[in-house]
Amino acid sequence: MNGLIVGIGCVVGYLVFRRTAVNAQRQPGDLPAAIAAAASTIVVLAFLFGLGDGKASKPEETRPVPTPTVQNTTAAEQGLRP
């Protein structure tokens, strides 16, 4: 799907480049306008179809982190000499 969107953007850019060319004087078209049209087409289509980097969006599993416990005991409670 990502390749199709890029292909459509390239076609739009090509059409803009050809339409901005001055036919009578054989001058090339407006390259910055064609690049901008292609880029904006790709961005808009990607937002419309919700595409990203091609990876499946799965929520990460979070595991609970065990909390260390400390018992406050005195030496007498443990049977040791003070």
C-alpha atoms as a PDB file:
ATOM      1  CA  MET A   1       0.000   0.000   0.000  1.00  0.00           C
ATOM      2  CA  ASN A   2       2.876   2.371   0.761  1.00  0.00           C
ATOM      3  CA  GLY A   3       4.314   1.800  -2.716  1.00  0.00           C
ATOM      4  CA  LEU A   4       0.982   2.596  -4.326  1.00  0.00           C
ATOM      5  CA  ILE A   5       0.773   5.903  -2.466  1.00  0.00           C
ATOM      6  CA  VAL A   6       4.307   6.849  -3.508  1.00  0.00           C
ATOM      7  CA  GLY A   7       3.477   5.906  -7.094  1.00  0.00           C
ATOM      8  CA  ILE A   8       0.382   8.106  -7.074  1.00  0.00           C
ATOM      9  CA  GLY A   9       2.482  10.962  -5.646  1.00  0.00           C
ATOM     10  CA  CYS A  10       5.018  10.538  -8.463  1.00  0.00           C
ATOM     11  CA  VAL A  11       2.276  10.611 -11.091  1.00  0.00           C
ATOM     12  CA  VAL A  12       0.816  13.789  -9.584  1.00  0.00           C
ATOM     13  CA  GLY A  13       4.272  15.378  -9.527  1.00  0.00           C
ATOM     14  CA  TYR A  14       4.862  14.435 -13.153  1.00  0.00           C
ATOM     15  CA  LEU A  15       1.509  15.870 -14.212  1.00  0.00           C
ATOM     16  CA  VAL A  16       2.200  19.135 -12.409  1.00  0.00           C
ATOM     17  CA  PHE A  17       5.636  19.330 -14.018  1.00  0.00           C
ATOM     18  CA  ARG A  18       4.198  18.763 -17.505  1.00  0.00           C
ATOM     19  CA  ARG A  19       1.291  21.207 -17.019  1.00  0.00           C
ATOM     20  CA  THR A  20       3.551  24.024 -15.865  1.00  0.00           C
ATOM     21  CA  ALA A  21       5.838  23.705 -18.900  1.00  0.00           C
ATOM     22  CA  VAL A  22       5.609  26.492 -21.435  1.00  0.00           C
ATOM     23  CA  ASN A  23       4.965  24.692 -24.715  1.00  0.00           C
ATOM     24  CA  ALA A  24       5.634  27.580 -27.080  1.00  0.00           C
ATOM     25  CA  GLN A  25       9.116  28.335 -25.760  1.00  0.00           C
ATOM     26  CA  ARG A  26      10.131  24.719 -24.969  1.00  0.00           C
ATOM     27  CA  GLN A  27      10.981  25.605 -21.380  1.00  0.00           C
ATOM     28  CA  PRO A  28      10.810  22.910 -18.712  1.00  0.00           C
ATOM     29  CA  GLY A  29       8.115  22.913 -16.084  1.00  0.00           C
ATOM     30  CA  ASP A  30       8.232  24.173 -12.540  1.00  0.00           C
ATOM     31  CA  LEU A  31      10.252  21.517 -10.712  1.00  0.00           C
ATOM     32  CA  PRO A  32       9.801  22.863  -7.152  1.00  0.00           C
ATOM     33  CA  ALA A  33       6.027  22.996  -7.636  1.00  0.00           C
ATOM     34  CA  ALA A  34       6.019  19.436  -8.939  1.00  0.00           C
ATOM     35  CA  ILE A  35       8.056  18.180  -5.972  1.00  0.00           C
ATOM     36  CA  ALA A  36       5.797  20.038  -3.536  1.00  0.00           C
ATOM     37  CA  ALA A  37       2.666  18.618  -5.183  1.00  0.00           C
ATOM     38  CA  ALA A  38       4.057  15.072  -5.064  1.00  0.00           C
ATOM     39  CA  ALA A  39       5.119  15.379  -1.426  1.00  0.00           C
ATOM     40  CA  SER A  40       1.826  16.872  -0.319  1.00  0.00           C
ATOM     41  CA  THR A  41      -0.097  14.173  -2.191  1.00  0.00           C
ATOM     42  CA  ILE A  42       1.905  11.442  -0.456  1.00  0.00           C
ATOM     43  CA  VAL A  43       1.395  13.030   2.975  1.00  0.00           C
ATOM     44  CA  VAL A  44      -2.350  13.536   2.496  1.00  0.00           C
ATOM     45  CA  LEU A  45      -2.912   9.996   1.231  1.00  0.00           C
ATOM     46  CA  ALA A  46      -0.808   8.535   4.039  1.00  0.00           C
ATOM     47  CA  PHE A  47      -2.895  10.407   6.610  1.00  0.00           C
ATOM     48  CA  LEU A  48      -6.149   9.396   4.945  1.00  0.00           C
ATOM     49  CA  PHE A  49      -5.256   5.718   4.869  1.00  0.00           C
ATOM     50  CA  GLY A  50      -3.533   5.779   8.257  1.00  0.00           C
ATOM     51  CA  LEU A  51      -0.229   4.424   7.028  1.00  0.00           C
ATOM     52  CA  GLY A  52       2.998   4.597   8.939  1.00  0.00           C
ATOM     53  CA  ASP A  53       6.242   2.749   8.649  1.00  0.00           C
ATOM     54  CA  GLY A  54       4.617  -0.497   7.525  1.00  0.00           C
ATOM     55  CA  LYS A  55       4.820  -2.212  10.895  1.00  0.00           C
ATOM     56  CA  ALA A  56       1.731  -3.562  12.573  1.00  0.00           C
ATOM     57  CA  SER A  57       0.719  -1.396  15.473  1.00  0.00           C
ATOM     58  CA  LYS A  58       0.381  -3.660  18.470  1.00  0.00           C
ATOM     59  CA  PRO A  59       0.413  -2.332  21.999  1.00  0.00           C
ATOM     60  CA  GLU A  60       3.471  -3.403  23.894  1.00  0.00           C
ATOM     61  CA  GLU A  61       2.890  -5.825  26.703  1.00  0.00           C
ATOM     62  CA  THR A  62       3.890  -4.350  30.006  1.00  0.00           C
ATOM     63  CA  ARG A  63       4.955  -6.687  32.737  1.00  0.00           C
ATOM     64  CA  PRO A  64       4.703  -5.593  36.342  1.00  0.00           C
ATOM     65  CA  VAL A  65       8.073  -4.830  37.846  1.00  0.00           C
ATOM     66  CA  PRO A  66       8.590  -6.591  41.170  1.00  0.00           C
ATOM     67  CA  THR A  67       9.183  -4.212  44.029  1.00  0.00           C
ATOM     68  CA  PRO A  68      11.924  -5.253  46.434  1.00  0.00           C
ATOM     69  CA  THR A  69      10.789  -5.467  50.028  1.00  0.00           C
ATOM     70  CA  VAL A  70      12.931  -4.789  53.047  1.00  0.00           C
ATOM     71  CA  GLN A  71      12.040  -6.001  56.503  1.00  0.00           C
ATOM     72  CA  ASN A  72      13.031  -3.724  59.322  1.00  0.00           C
ATOM     73  CA  THR A  73      14.134  -6.046  62.105  1.00  0.00           C
ATOM     74  CA  THR A  74      16.455  -5.504  64.962  1.00  0.00           C
ATOM     75  CA  ALA A  75      19.366  -7.709  65.924  1.00  0.00           C
ATOM     76  CA  ALA A  76      17.448  -8.995  68.956  1.00  0.00           C
ATOM     77  CA  GLU A  77      14.538 -10.104  66.777  1.00  0.00           C
ATOM     78  CA  GLN A  78      16.890 -12.060  64.547  1.00  0.00           C
ATOM     79  CA  GLY A  79      18.448 -13.831  67.508  1.00  0.00           C
ATOM     80  CA  LEU A  80      21.767 -12.026  67.246  1.00  0.00           C
ATOM     81  CA  ARG A  81      23.662 -10.371  70.034  1.00  0.00           C
ATOM     82  CA  PRO A  82      23.529  -6.602  70.124  1.00  0.00           C
END
